[in-house]
Amino acid sequence: MARLPLFPLGTVLVPGATLPLQLFEPRYIELLSDLANAPEAPEFGVVAIRQGHEVGPDAARDLHEIGCVARVLQAAAVSDGRYLVFSAGVRRFRLDALVTGAGTAYLVGEVTLLEERTGDADAVVDLVGRLRSALHDFATTLGAEEPQWPADADELSYAVGTAVGLDLGDRQRLLAAHDTETRLRLGLSLVRRERQLAATLGVVPPAPEHGFNPN
């Protein structure tokens, strides 16, 4: 079990995805300062909020159990006291408990880092092909240009959330999946669901998240 500074957000970060942030709350500027002065890699835990808000003194402590370690890649100060931080998802963790008396303005969690399990290797190969086909059909239904999908099975399974504009609940389900096989099966089901909605009701998924996430 390890300790990890936490950044609760109203979004889900997955391994391999990027996360731009604007920091202006004093507690998160303190977090950035602590990361900059730490001897180890500048990493913090992003965990989705189950209920509540990202900012303010009453910000939520009701958090999802599975989160993602984010590594700071770049940070820059802005003249008005804000910091722009560019980070990327590294690996998943399970939030076991919040640390009381950590002595920081930001939350700290006791976490267990999670290994990526494959599941049935033959099933994964088959599911990758089926998911790629479903994503192609989805793009065709929307009349959208199809992007270049990741070749790696893990990366492809995590890319589904952004690819079809899933909401926080579905993205969290993908993040929390026990192994790659399970995540691919879930992703395939979700892509087919979204394509059916788009085909029958004209429902178009929201645009992918962009820009800097304010803290």
N, C-alpha and C. Protein backbone atom coordinates (compact mmCIF):
# COMPACT_ATOMS: atom_id res chain seq x y z
N MET A 1 0.85 -1.19 0.00
CA MET A 1 0.00 0.00 0.00
C MET A 1 0.88 1.24 0.00
N ALA A 2 0.47 2.26 -0.76
CA ALA A 2 1.25 3.48 -0.88
C ALA A 2 0.37 4.69 -0.57
N ARG A 3 1.02 5.84 -0.33
CA ARG A 3 0.30 7.09 -0.15
C ARG A 3 0.43 7.92 -1.41
N LEU A 4 -0.68 8.57 -1.78
CA LEU A 4 -0.70 9.33 -3.02
C LEU A 4 -1.53 10.60 -2.81
N PRO A 5 -0.99 11.77 -3.18
CA PRO A 5 -1.81 12.98 -3.14
C PRO A 5 -2.95 12.84 -4.14
N LEU A 6 -4.12 13.32 -3.77
CA LEU A 6 -5.30 13.10 -4.59
C LEU A 6 -5.83 14.40 -5.19
N PHE A 7 -6.33 14.27 -6.40
CA PHE A 7 -6.97 15.39 -7.09
C PHE A 7 -8.35 14.89 -7.54
N PRO A 8 -9.39 15.10 -6.75
CA PRO A 8 -10.74 14.69 -7.17
C PRO A 8 -11.23 15.55 -8.32
N LEU A 9 -11.81 14.93 -9.32
CA LEU A 9 -12.31 15.66 -10.48
C LEU A 9 -13.67 15.11 -10.91
N GLY A 10 -14.39 15.92 -11.65
CA GLY A 10 -15.66 15.48 -12.21
C GLY A 10 -15.46 14.85 -13.56
N THR A 11 -14.37 14.12 -13.73
CA THR A 11 -14.09 13.41 -14.96
C THR A 11 -13.27 12.17 -14.62
N VAL A 12 -13.09 11.29 -15.59
CA VAL A 12 -12.35 10.05 -15.39
C VAL A 12 -11.09 10.09 -16.24
N LEU A 13 -9.95 9.90 -15.61
CA LEU A 13 -8.68 9.77 -16.32
C LEU A 13 -8.35 8.30 -16.46
N VAL A 14 -7.87 7.90 -17.66
CA VAL A 14 -7.47 6.51 -17.89
C VAL A 14 -6.00 6.48 -18.29
N PRO A 15 -5.33 5.35 -18.10
CA PRO A 15 -3.93 5.24 -18.52
C PRO A 15 -3.77 5.56 -20.01
N GLY A 16 -2.76 6.36 -20.30
CA GLY A 16 -2.48 6.73 -21.68
C GLY A 16 -3.14 8.02 -22.13
N ALA A 17 -4.14 8.50 -21.39
CA ALA A 17 -4.82 9.74 -21.75
C ALA A 17 -4.11 10.94 -21.15
N THR A 18 -4.27 12.09 -21.77
CA THR A 18 -3.66 13.32 -21.25
C THR A 18 -4.70 14.11 -20.45
N LEU A 19 -4.20 14.91 -19.53
CA LEU A 19 -5.08 15.70 -18.66
C LEU A 19 -4.47 17.08 -18.45
N PRO A 20 -4.98 18.10 -19.15
CA PRO A 20 -4.55 19.47 -18.89
C PRO A 20 -5.36 20.04 -17.73
N LEU A 21 -4.70 20.79 -16.85
CA LEU A 21 -5.34 21.36 -15.67
C LEU A 21 -4.96 22.82 -15.51
N GLN A 22 -5.92 23.62 -14.99
CA GLN A 22 -5.61 24.96 -14.52
C GLN A 22 -5.69 24.94 -13.00
N LEU A 23 -4.62 25.25 -12.34
CA LEU A 23 -4.61 25.26 -10.88
C LEU A 23 -4.67 26.70 -10.37
N PHE A 24 -5.65 26.94 -9.48
CA PHE A 24 -5.74 28.26 -8.87
C PHE A 24 -6.09 28.17 -7.38
N GLU A 25 -6.70 27.06 -6.94
CA GLU A 25 -6.97 26.90 -5.52
C GLU A 25 -5.66 26.72 -4.76
N PRO A 26 -5.50 27.38 -3.61
CA PRO A 26 -4.25 27.28 -2.85
C PRO A 26 -3.84 25.85 -2.53
N ARG A 27 -4.81 24.98 -2.23
CA ARG A 27 -4.45 23.60 -1.86
C ARG A 27 -3.80 22.85 -3.02
N TYR A 28 -4.23 23.14 -4.26
CA TYR A 28 -3.65 22.44 -5.40
C TYR A 28 -2.35 23.07 -5.87
N ILE A 29 -2.19 24.36 -5.61
CA ILE A 29 -0.88 24.98 -5.83
C ILE A 29 0.11 24.41 -4.83
N GLU A 30 -0.34 24.17 -3.59
CA GLU A 30 0.51 23.50 -2.59
C GLU A 30 0.88 22.10 -3.07
N LEU A 31 -0.09 21.38 -3.63
CA LEU A 31 0.18 20.03 -4.15
C LEU A 31 1.25 20.08 -5.24
N LEU A 32 1.11 21.04 -6.17
CA LEU A 32 2.09 21.16 -7.26
C LEU A 32 3.48 21.47 -6.70
N SER A 33 3.53 22.35 -5.71
CA SER A 33 4.81 22.69 -5.09
C SER A 33 5.45 21.47 -4.43
N ASP A 34 4.62 20.69 -3.73
CA ASP A 34 5.13 19.48 -3.08
C ASP A 34 5.66 18.48 -4.10
N LEU A 35 4.95 18.36 -5.23
CA LEU A 35 5.40 17.44 -6.28
C LEU A 35 6.73 17.91 -6.88
N ALA A 36 6.86 19.24 -7.06
CA ALA A 36 8.08 19.79 -7.66
C ALA A 36 9.28 19.56 -6.76
N ASN A 37 9.06 19.50 -5.46
CA ASN A 37 10.17 19.36 -4.51
C ASN A 37 10.37 17.92 -4.03
N ALA A 38 9.56 17.02 -4.52
CA ALA A 38 9.68 15.62 -4.11
C ALA A 38 10.81 14.94 -4.87
N PRO A 39 11.51 13.97 -4.24
CA PRO A 39 12.61 13.29 -4.92
C PRO A 39 12.13 12.30 -5.98
N GLU A 40 10.90 11.81 -5.85
CA GLU A 40 10.40 10.84 -6.81
C GLU A 40 9.66 11.54 -7.96
N ALA A 41 9.15 10.75 -8.89
CA ALA A 41 8.43 11.29 -10.04
C ALA A 41 7.23 12.10 -9.57
N PRO A 42 6.95 13.23 -10.23
CA PRO A 42 5.82 14.08 -9.82
C PRO A 42 4.48 13.45 -10.23
N GLU A 43 3.90 12.65 -9.34
CA GLU A 43 2.67 11.95 -9.64
C GLU A 43 1.62 12.21 -8.56
N PHE A 44 0.37 12.25 -9.00
CA PHE A 44 -0.76 12.40 -8.08
C PHE A 44 -1.89 11.51 -8.58
N GLY A 45 -2.87 11.31 -7.74
CA GLY A 45 -3.97 10.43 -8.10
C GLY A 45 -5.21 11.20 -8.51
N VAL A 46 -5.72 10.91 -9.69
CA VAL A 46 -6.99 11.49 -10.14
C VAL A 46 -8.09 10.47 -9.86
N VAL A 47 -9.09 10.92 -9.14
CA VAL A 47 -10.20 10.03 -8.80
C VAL A 47 -11.49 10.78 -9.03
N ALA A 48 -12.45 10.13 -9.68
CA ALA A 48 -13.71 10.80 -10.03
C ALA A 48 -14.59 10.97 -8.81
N ILE A 49 -15.26 12.12 -8.77
CA ILE A 49 -16.17 12.44 -7.67
C ILE A 49 -17.50 11.72 -7.89
N ARG A 50 -17.93 11.02 -6.87
CA ARG A 50 -19.22 10.34 -6.94
C ARG A 50 -20.37 11.31 -6.70
N GLN A 51 -20.17 12.21 -5.74
CA GLN A 51 -21.15 13.25 -5.44
C GLN A 51 -20.41 14.49 -4.98
N GLY A 52 -20.92 15.66 -5.37
CA GLY A 52 -20.33 16.90 -4.90
C GLY A 52 -19.69 17.70 -6.00
N HIS A 53 -18.73 18.55 -5.63
CA HIS A 53 -18.12 19.49 -6.55
C HIS A 53 -16.60 19.40 -6.47
N GLU A 54 -15.96 19.93 -7.53
CA GLU A 54 -14.50 19.89 -7.59
C GLU A 54 -13.86 20.95 -6.70
N VAL A 55 -14.51 22.10 -6.58
CA VAL A 55 -13.85 23.24 -5.93
C VAL A 55 -14.63 23.68 -4.70
N GLY A 56 -13.97 24.55 -3.90
CA GLY A 56 -14.63 25.13 -2.73
C GLY A 56 -14.33 24.37 -1.46
N PRO A 57 -14.62 24.99 -0.32
CA PRO A 57 -14.29 24.37 0.97
C PRO A 57 -15.08 23.11 1.26
N ASP A 58 -16.24 22.97 0.62
CA ASP A 58 -17.07 21.78 0.85
C ASP A 58 -16.97 20.78 -0.29
N ALA A 59 -15.86 20.82 -1.00
CA ALA A 59 -15.68 19.90 -2.13
C ALA A 59 -15.84 18.45 -1.65
N ALA A 60 -16.33 17.62 -2.55
CA ALA A 60 -16.74 16.26 -2.17
C ALA A 60 -15.59 15.39 -1.70
N ARG A 61 -15.93 14.53 -0.76
CA ARG A 61 -15.02 13.48 -0.33
C ARG A 61 -15.61 12.11 -0.65
N ASP A 62 -16.76 12.10 -1.35
CA ASP A 62 -17.38 10.85 -1.77
C ASP A 62 -16.82 10.51 -3.14
N LEU A 63 -15.82 9.66 -3.16
CA LEU A 63 -15.03 9.41 -4.36
C LEU A 63 -15.19 7.97 -4.83
N HIS A 64 -15.00 7.78 -6.14
CA HIS A 64 -15.00 6.42 -6.67
C HIS A 64 -13.78 5.66 -6.16
N GLU A 65 -13.89 4.35 -6.14
CA GLU A 65 -12.84 3.53 -5.55
C GLU A 65 -11.63 3.39 -6.47
N ILE A 66 -11.85 3.33 -7.78
CA ILE A 66 -10.74 3.14 -8.73
C ILE A 66 -10.40 4.47 -9.38
N GLY A 67 -9.11 4.81 -9.33
CA GLY A 67 -8.63 6.04 -9.94
C GLY A 67 -7.43 5.76 -10.81
N CYS A 68 -6.78 6.83 -11.26
CA CYS A 68 -5.63 6.70 -12.16
C CYS A 68 -4.51 7.63 -11.71
N VAL A 69 -3.31 7.09 -11.63
CA VAL A 69 -2.13 7.91 -11.33
C VAL A 69 -1.84 8.81 -12.52
N ALA A 70 -1.65 10.09 -12.25
CA ALA A 70 -1.27 11.07 -13.29
C ALA A 70 0.14 11.55 -13.03
N ARG A 71 0.92 11.63 -14.09
CA ARG A 71 2.29 12.13 -13.99
C ARG A 71 2.38 13.50 -14.64
N VAL A 72 2.93 14.46 -13.92
CA VAL A 72 3.10 15.81 -14.46
C VAL A 72 4.19 15.80 -15.52
N LEU A 73 3.83 16.27 -16.72
CA LEU A 73 4.79 16.34 -17.83
C LEU A 73 5.33 17.76 -18.01
N GLN A 74 4.45 18.74 -17.82
CA GLN A 74 4.85 20.14 -17.95
C GLN A 74 4.01 20.98 -17.00
N ALA A 75 4.58 22.07 -16.51
CA ALA A 75 3.85 23.01 -15.68
C ALA A 75 4.41 24.40 -15.92
N ALA A 76 3.51 25.37 -15.95
CA ALA A 76 3.94 26.74 -16.20
C ALA A 76 3.07 27.71 -15.40
N ALA A 77 3.72 28.72 -14.81
CA ALA A 77 2.99 29.74 -14.06
C ALA A 77 2.42 30.76 -15.03
N VAL A 78 1.23 31.26 -14.70
CA VAL A 78 0.58 32.32 -15.47
C VAL A 78 0.57 33.58 -14.60
N SER A 79 0.59 34.73 -15.24
CA SER A 79 0.78 35.98 -14.50
C SER A 79 -0.28 36.25 -13.44
N ASP A 80 -1.47 35.71 -13.60
CA ASP A 80 -2.54 36.00 -12.63
C ASP A 80 -2.54 35.03 -11.44
N GLY A 81 -1.49 34.26 -11.29
CA GLY A 81 -1.37 33.36 -10.15
C GLY A 81 -1.82 31.94 -10.42
N ARG A 82 -2.31 31.68 -11.62
CA ARG A 82 -2.70 30.33 -11.99
C ARG A 82 -1.48 29.55 -12.49
N TYR A 83 -1.63 28.24 -12.49
CA TYR A 83 -0.63 27.36 -13.07
C TYR A 83 -1.31 26.47 -14.10
N LEU A 84 -0.68 26.33 -15.25
CA LEU A 84 -1.16 25.41 -16.27
C LEU A 84 -0.31 24.15 -16.19
N VAL A 85 -0.98 23.03 -16.00
CA VAL A 85 -0.29 21.75 -15.80
C VAL A 85 -0.76 20.76 -16.86
N PHE A 86 0.18 20.12 -17.48
CA PHE A 86 -0.13 19.10 -18.47
C PHE A 86 0.36 17.76 -17.92
N SER A 87 -0.55 16.82 -17.76
CA SER A 87 -0.21 15.53 -17.16
C SER A 87 -0.79 14.40 -18.01
N ALA A 88 -0.40 13.17 -17.68
CA ALA A 88 -0.87 12.00 -18.43
C ALA A 88 -1.13 10.85 -17.48
N GLY A 89 -2.15 10.05 -17.80
CA GLY A 89 -2.48 8.88 -16.99
C GLY A 89 -1.42 7.80 -17.14
N VAL A 90 -1.03 7.20 -16.02
CA VAL A 90 0.05 6.22 -16.01
C VAL A 90 -0.46 4.82 -15.70
N ARG A 91 -1.14 4.66 -14.57
CA ARG A 91 -1.63 3.35 -14.16
C ARG A 91 -2.78 3.51 -13.18
N ARG A 92 -3.54 2.46 -13.02
CA ARG A 92 -4.71 2.51 -12.14
C ARG A 92 -4.32 2.25 -10.68
N PHE A 93 -5.19 2.71 -9.80
CA PHE A 93 -5.03 2.38 -8.38
C PHE A 93 -6.40 2.19 -7.75
N ARG A 94 -6.40 1.52 -6.60
CA ARG A 94 -7.61 1.41 -5.78
C ARG A 94 -7.43 2.30 -4.57
N LEU A 95 -8.41 3.16 -4.32
CA LEU A 95 -8.37 4.03 -3.14
C LEU A 95 -8.89 3.23 -1.95
N ASP A 96 -7.98 2.91 -1.04
CA ASP A 96 -8.34 2.10 0.13
C ASP A 96 -8.88 2.96 1.27
N ALA A 97 -8.33 4.16 1.45
CA ALA A 97 -8.78 5.03 2.54
C ALA A 97 -8.19 6.42 2.34
N LEU A 98 -8.88 7.42 2.88
CA LEU A 98 -8.32 8.76 2.95
C LEU A 98 -7.48 8.87 4.21
N VAL A 99 -6.33 9.51 4.10
CA VAL A 99 -5.41 9.66 5.24
C VAL A 99 -5.88 10.83 6.09
N THR A 100 -6.13 10.57 7.34
CA THR A 100 -6.48 11.64 8.27
C THR A 100 -5.20 12.18 8.91
N GLY A 101 -5.16 13.48 9.10
CA GLY A 101 -3.98 14.09 9.71
C GLY A 101 -2.77 14.04 8.82
N ALA A 102 -2.96 14.16 7.51
CA ALA A 102 -1.83 14.11 6.58
C ALA A 102 -1.00 15.38 6.64
N GLY A 103 -1.58 16.45 7.17
CA GLY A 103 -0.83 17.70 7.28
C GLY A 103 -0.77 18.49 6.00
N THR A 104 -1.64 18.21 5.04
CA THR A 104 -1.69 18.93 3.78
C THR A 104 -3.09 19.50 3.58
N ALA A 105 -3.16 20.57 2.79
CA ALA A 105 -4.46 21.16 2.49
C ALA A 105 -5.25 20.29 1.51
N TYR A 106 -4.54 19.49 0.72
CA TYR A 106 -5.18 18.61 -0.25
C TYR A 106 -5.34 17.21 0.36
N LEU A 107 -6.21 16.41 -0.27
CA LEU A 107 -6.44 15.05 0.21
C LEU A 107 -5.26 14.14 -0.12
N VAL A 108 -5.02 13.20 0.75
CA VAL A 108 -4.01 12.15 0.53
C VAL A 108 -4.71 10.81 0.74
N GLY A 109 -4.41 9.86 -0.12
CA GLY A 109 -5.06 8.56 -0.02
C GLY A 109 -4.08 7.42 0.20
N GLU A 110 -4.54 6.42 0.93
CA GLU A 110 -3.84 5.14 0.98
C GLU A 110 -4.33 4.35 -0.22
N VAL A 111 -3.42 3.97 -1.11
CA VAL A 111 -3.84 3.35 -2.36
C VAL A 111 -3.07 2.05 -2.61
N THR A 112 -3.69 1.19 -3.40
CA THR A 112 -3.03 -0.01 -3.91
C THR A 112 -2.91 0.13 -5.42
N LEU A 113 -1.68 0.11 -5.92
CA LEU A 113 -1.47 0.19 -7.36
C LEU A 113 -1.89 -1.13 -8.01
N LEU A 114 -2.60 -1.03 -9.12
CA LEU A 114 -3.19 -2.20 -9.76
C LEU A 114 -2.41 -2.60 -11.01
N GLU A 115 -2.17 -3.89 -11.14
CA GLU A 115 -1.54 -4.42 -12.34
C GLU A 115 -2.59 -4.57 -13.44
N GLU A 116 -2.14 -4.47 -14.69
CA GLU A 116 -3.04 -4.69 -15.82
C GLU A 116 -3.07 -6.18 -16.14
N ARG A 117 -4.22 -6.80 -15.98
CA ARG A 117 -4.40 -8.21 -16.31
C ARG A 117 -5.01 -8.34 -17.69
N THR A 118 -4.63 -9.39 -18.40
CA THR A 118 -5.08 -9.57 -19.77
C THR A 118 -6.42 -10.28 -19.85
N GLY A 119 -6.61 -11.33 -19.04
CA GLY A 119 -7.76 -12.20 -19.23
C GLY A 119 -7.40 -13.29 -20.21
N ASP A 120 -8.36 -13.79 -20.95
CA ASP A 120 -8.11 -14.82 -21.96
C ASP A 120 -7.46 -14.18 -23.18
N ALA A 121 -6.22 -14.57 -23.48
CA ALA A 121 -5.46 -13.93 -24.55
C ALA A 121 -6.11 -14.12 -25.92
N ASP A 122 -6.64 -15.32 -26.18
CA ASP A 122 -7.30 -15.56 -27.47
C ASP A 122 -8.56 -14.72 -27.61
N ALA A 123 -9.30 -14.61 -26.51
CA ALA A 123 -10.52 -13.79 -26.53
C ALA A 123 -10.18 -12.33 -26.78
N VAL A 124 -9.05 -11.86 -26.21
CA VAL A 124 -8.65 -10.47 -26.39
C VAL A 124 -8.38 -10.19 -27.87
N VAL A 125 -7.70 -11.08 -28.55
CA VAL A 125 -7.41 -10.89 -29.98
C VAL A 125 -8.71 -10.77 -30.76
N ASP A 126 -9.65 -11.66 -30.48
CA ASP A 126 -10.94 -11.63 -31.17
C ASP A 126 -11.70 -10.34 -30.85
N LEU A 127 -11.70 -9.94 -29.58
CA LEU A 127 -12.45 -8.76 -29.17
C LEU A 127 -11.87 -7.47 -29.76
N VAL A 128 -10.55 -7.42 -29.92
CA VAL A 128 -9.93 -6.25 -30.54
C VAL A 128 -10.47 -6.07 -31.96
N GLY A 129 -10.53 -7.14 -32.72
CA GLY A 129 -11.06 -7.07 -34.07
C GLY A 129 -12.52 -6.64 -34.11
N ARG A 130 -13.31 -7.19 -33.20
CA ARG A 130 -14.73 -6.86 -33.16
C ARG A 130 -14.96 -5.42 -32.71
N LEU A 131 -14.14 -4.96 -31.77
CA LEU A 131 -14.28 -3.58 -31.30
C LEU A 131 -13.87 -2.59 -32.39
N ARG A 132 -12.81 -2.89 -33.10
CA ARG A 132 -12.39 -2.02 -34.20
C ARG A 132 -13.50 -1.92 -35.25
N SER A 133 -14.13 -3.05 -35.55
CA SER A 133 -15.23 -3.05 -36.51
C SER A 133 -16.41 -2.23 -36.01
N ALA A 134 -16.72 -2.35 -34.71
CA ALA A 134 -17.83 -1.60 -34.14
C ALA A 134 -17.54 -0.09 -34.15
N LEU A 135 -16.29 0.28 -33.86
CA LEU A 135 -15.92 1.69 -33.89
C LEU A 135 -16.00 2.24 -35.31
N HIS A 136 -15.63 1.41 -36.29
CA HIS A 136 -15.75 1.83 -37.69
C HIS A 136 -17.22 2.07 -38.05
N ASP A 137 -18.09 1.14 -37.64
CA ASP A 137 -19.52 1.30 -37.91
C ASP A 137 -20.08 2.54 -37.22
N PHE A 138 -19.61 2.81 -36.02
CA PHE A 138 -20.06 3.98 -35.27
C PHE A 138 -19.69 5.25 -36.02
N ALA A 139 -18.43 5.34 -36.47
CA ALA A 139 -17.99 6.53 -37.20
C ALA A 139 -18.77 6.69 -38.50
N THR A 140 -19.05 5.57 -39.17
CA THR A 140 -19.81 5.62 -40.41
C THR A 140 -21.23 6.13 -40.16
N THR A 141 -21.85 5.66 -39.08
CA THR A 141 -23.21 6.10 -38.73
C THR A 141 -23.26 7.61 -38.49
N LEU A 142 -22.22 8.15 -37.84
CA LEU A 142 -22.17 9.58 -37.56
C LEU A 142 -21.69 10.39 -38.76
N GLY A 143 -21.19 9.70 -39.79
CA GLY A 143 -20.62 10.41 -40.93
C GLY A 143 -19.34 11.14 -40.56
N ALA A 144 -18.63 10.59 -39.59
CA ALA A 144 -17.41 11.23 -39.10
C ALA A 144 -16.18 10.54 -39.66
N GLU A 145 -15.09 11.30 -39.71
CA GLU A 145 -13.83 10.72 -40.14
C GLU A 145 -13.30 9.80 -39.03
N GLU A 146 -12.92 8.59 -39.41
CA GLU A 146 -12.47 7.63 -38.41
C GLU A 146 -11.01 7.89 -38.03
N PRO A 147 -10.72 8.04 -36.74
CA PRO A 147 -9.33 8.27 -36.33
C PRO A 147 -8.51 6.99 -36.39
N GLN A 148 -7.23 7.13 -36.13
CA GLN A 148 -6.34 5.99 -36.06
C GLN A 148 -6.45 5.39 -34.67
N TRP A 149 -6.99 4.17 -34.57
CA TRP A 149 -7.17 3.55 -33.27
C TRP A 149 -5.86 2.95 -32.78
N PRO A 150 -5.65 2.92 -31.45
CA PRO A 150 -4.41 2.32 -30.91
C PRO A 150 -4.29 0.85 -31.32
N ALA A 151 -3.06 0.42 -31.54
CA ALA A 151 -2.83 -0.98 -31.89
C ALA A 151 -2.84 -1.87 -30.65
N ASP A 152 -2.43 -1.31 -29.52
CA ASP A 152 -2.35 -2.08 -28.27
C ASP A 152 -3.75 -2.33 -27.72
N ALA A 153 -4.01 -3.56 -27.27
CA ALA A 153 -5.33 -3.93 -26.78
C ALA A 153 -5.73 -3.11 -25.55
N ASP A 154 -4.80 -2.92 -24.60
CA ASP A 154 -5.10 -2.11 -23.41
C ASP A 154 -5.47 -0.69 -23.80
N GLU A 155 -4.66 -0.08 -24.65
CA GLU A 155 -4.90 1.30 -25.06
C GLU A 155 -6.23 1.42 -25.80
N LEU A 156 -6.54 0.45 -26.65
CA LEU A 156 -7.80 0.48 -27.38
C LEU A 156 -8.98 0.38 -26.41
N SER A 157 -8.86 -0.49 -25.41
CA SER A 157 -9.97 -0.65 -24.46
C SER A 157 -10.22 0.62 -23.68
N TYR A 158 -9.16 1.37 -23.36
CA TYR A 158 -9.32 2.60 -22.62
C TYR A 158 -9.79 3.76 -23.52
N ALA A 159 -9.52 3.66 -24.82
CA ALA A 159 -9.86 4.76 -25.75
C ALA A 159 -11.35 4.86 -26.02
N VAL A 160 -12.11 3.83 -25.68
CA VAL A 160 -13.53 3.80 -26.02
C VAL A 160 -14.28 4.98 -25.43
N GLY A 161 -13.97 5.33 -24.17
CA GLY A 161 -14.70 6.40 -23.50
C GLY A 161 -14.70 7.70 -24.28
N THR A 162 -13.52 8.09 -24.78
CA THR A 162 -13.41 9.32 -25.55
C THR A 162 -13.92 9.13 -26.97
N ALA A 163 -13.70 7.94 -27.53
CA ALA A 163 -14.06 7.68 -28.92
C ALA A 163 -15.55 7.88 -29.19
N VAL A 164 -16.38 7.49 -28.23
CA VAL A 164 -17.82 7.61 -28.44
C VAL A 164 -18.49 8.57 -27.45
N GLY A 165 -17.69 9.38 -26.76
CA GLY A 165 -18.25 10.41 -25.90
C GLY A 165 -19.08 9.90 -24.74
N LEU A 166 -18.59 8.87 -24.05
CA LEU A 166 -19.35 8.28 -22.94
C LEU A 166 -19.39 9.23 -21.74
N ASP A 167 -20.43 9.06 -20.91
CA ASP A 167 -20.53 9.88 -19.70
C ASP A 167 -19.62 9.33 -18.61
N LEU A 168 -19.57 10.04 -17.50
CA LEU A 168 -18.65 9.69 -16.41
C LEU A 168 -18.90 8.27 -15.90
N GLY A 169 -20.17 7.90 -15.74
CA GLY A 169 -20.48 6.57 -15.20
C GLY A 169 -19.94 5.45 -16.06
N ASP A 170 -20.12 5.56 -17.38
CA ASP A 170 -19.63 4.51 -18.28
C ASP A 170 -18.11 4.52 -18.34
N ARG A 171 -17.50 5.69 -18.31
CA ARG A 171 -16.03 5.76 -18.32
C ARG A 171 -15.46 5.13 -17.05
N GLN A 172 -16.14 5.37 -15.93
CA GLN A 172 -15.68 4.78 -14.68
C GLN A 172 -15.79 3.27 -14.73
N ARG A 173 -16.84 2.74 -15.32
CA ARG A 173 -16.99 1.29 -15.46
C ARG A 173 -15.84 0.71 -16.29
N LEU A 174 -15.45 1.40 -17.35
CA LEU A 174 -14.32 0.94 -18.16
C LEU A 174 -13.03 0.95 -17.34
N LEU A 175 -12.80 2.03 -16.60
CA LEU A 175 -11.59 2.13 -15.79
C LEU A 175 -11.53 1.02 -14.75
N ALA A 176 -12.68 0.69 -14.17
CA ALA A 176 -12.72 -0.27 -13.07
C ALA A 176 -12.76 -1.72 -13.52
N ALA A 177 -12.86 -1.97 -14.82
CA ALA A 177 -12.93 -3.34 -15.31
C ALA A 177 -11.74 -4.17 -14.82
N HIS A 178 -12.01 -5.43 -14.48
CA HIS A 178 -11.01 -6.28 -13.83
C HIS A 178 -9.80 -6.56 -14.72
N ASP A 179 -10.03 -6.73 -16.02
CA ASP A 179 -8.93 -7.03 -16.93
C ASP A 179 -9.25 -6.52 -18.33
N THR A 180 -8.30 -6.65 -19.24
CA THR A 180 -8.47 -6.12 -20.59
C THR A 180 -9.60 -6.82 -21.33
N GLU A 181 -9.71 -8.13 -21.16
CA GLU A 181 -10.81 -8.85 -21.81
C GLU A 181 -12.16 -8.28 -21.37
N THR A 182 -12.35 -8.10 -20.07
CA THR A 182 -13.61 -7.56 -19.56
C THR A 182 -13.86 -6.15 -20.09
N ARG A 183 -12.81 -5.33 -20.13
CA ARG A 183 -12.96 -3.95 -20.61
C ARG A 183 -13.30 -3.92 -22.08
N LEU A 184 -12.70 -4.80 -22.88
CA LEU A 184 -13.02 -4.86 -24.30
C LEU A 184 -14.47 -5.29 -24.53
N ARG A 185 -14.92 -6.26 -23.75
CA ARG A 185 -16.31 -6.71 -23.88
C ARG A 185 -17.28 -5.58 -23.52
N LEU A 186 -16.97 -4.88 -22.44
CA LEU A 186 -17.81 -3.77 -22.04
C LEU A 186 -17.76 -2.66 -23.09
N GLY A 187 -16.57 -2.35 -23.58
CA GLY A 187 -16.43 -1.32 -24.60
C GLY A 187 -17.20 -1.65 -25.86
N LEU A 188 -17.16 -2.91 -26.27
CA LEU A 188 -17.89 -3.35 -27.45
C LEU A 188 -19.39 -3.13 -27.26
N SER A 189 -19.89 -3.50 -26.08
CA SER A 189 -21.31 -3.33 -25.78
C SER A 189 -21.70 -1.85 -25.79
N LEU A 190 -20.85 -1.00 -25.22
CA LEU A 190 -21.16 0.42 -25.16
C LEU A 190 -21.12 1.08 -26.54
N VAL A 191 -20.16 0.71 -27.36
CA VAL A 191 -20.08 1.27 -28.71
C VAL A 191 -21.30 0.87 -29.52
N ARG A 192 -21.70 -0.40 -29.42
CA ARG A 192 -22.89 -0.85 -30.14
C ARG A 192 -24.14 -0.12 -29.65
N ARG A 193 -24.23 0.12 -28.35
CA ARG A 193 -25.36 0.86 -27.80
C ARG A 193 -25.41 2.27 -28.35
N GLU A 194 -24.26 2.96 -28.36
CA GLU A 194 -24.22 4.33 -28.84
C GLU A 194 -24.51 4.41 -30.33
N ARG A 195 -24.05 3.43 -31.10
CA ARG A 195 -24.35 3.43 -32.53
C ARG A 195 -25.84 3.25 -32.76
N GLN A 196 -26.46 2.36 -31.98
CA GLN A 196 -27.90 2.14 -32.14
C GLN A 196 -28.68 3.41 -31.80
N LEU A 197 -28.28 4.10 -30.75
CA LEU A 197 -28.93 5.35 -30.39
C LEU A 197 -28.78 6.38 -31.51
N ALA A 198 -27.58 6.47 -32.04
CA ALA A 198 -27.33 7.44 -33.11
C ALA A 198 -28.13 7.10 -34.36
N ALA A 199 -28.25 5.79 -34.65
CA ALA A 199 -28.95 5.36 -35.86
C ALA A 199 -30.45 5.53 -35.75
N THR A 200 -31.02 5.25 -34.59
CA THR A 200 -32.48 5.25 -34.46
C THR A 200 -33.05 6.57 -33.95
N LEU A 201 -32.30 7.28 -33.10
CA LEU A 201 -32.82 8.50 -32.50
C LEU A 201 -32.09 9.75 -32.95
N GLY A 202 -31.03 9.56 -33.72
CA GLY A 202 -30.25 10.71 -34.13
C GLY A 202 -29.46 11.33 -33.00
N VAL A 203 -29.22 10.54 -31.95
CA VAL A 203 -28.47 11.03 -30.80
C VAL A 203 -26.99 11.10 -31.15
N VAL A 204 -26.41 12.27 -30.96
CA VAL A 204 -24.99 12.46 -31.24
C VAL A 204 -24.26 12.62 -29.92
N PRO A 205 -23.18 11.87 -29.68
CA PRO A 205 -22.46 11.98 -28.41
C PRO A 205 -21.83 13.35 -28.25
N PRO A 206 -21.59 13.77 -27.00
CA PRO A 206 -20.94 15.07 -26.78
C PRO A 206 -19.54 15.07 -27.35
N ALA A 207 -19.07 16.26 -27.68
CA ALA A 207 -17.71 16.39 -28.20
C ALA A 207 -16.71 15.95 -27.15
N PRO A 208 -15.58 15.37 -27.57
CA PRO A 208 -14.54 14.98 -26.60
C PRO A 208 -14.10 16.17 -25.77
N GLU A 209 -13.71 15.89 -24.51
CA GLU A 209 -13.24 16.94 -23.63
C GLU A 209 -11.98 17.58 -24.21
N HIS A 210 -11.87 18.88 -24.04
CA HIS A 210 -10.69 19.56 -24.53
C HIS A 210 -10.40 20.75 -23.63
N GLY A 211 -9.28 21.38 -23.86
CA GLY A 211 -8.92 22.53 -23.05
C GLY A 211 -8.45 22.12 -21.66
N PHE A 212 -8.26 23.13 -20.82
CA PHE A 212 -7.73 22.88 -19.48
C PHE A 212 -8.86 22.73 -18.49
N ASN A 213 -8.73 21.71 -17.65
CA ASN A 213 -9.72 21.42 -16.61
C ASN A 213 -9.44 22.32 -15.41
N PRO A 214 -10.39 23.21 -15.03
CA PRO A 214 -10.13 24.05 -13.86
C PRO A 214 -10.27 23.25 -12.58
N ASN A 215 -9.46 23.55 -11.59
CA ASN A 215 -9.56 22.81 -10.32
C ASN A 215 -10.61 23.43 -9.42
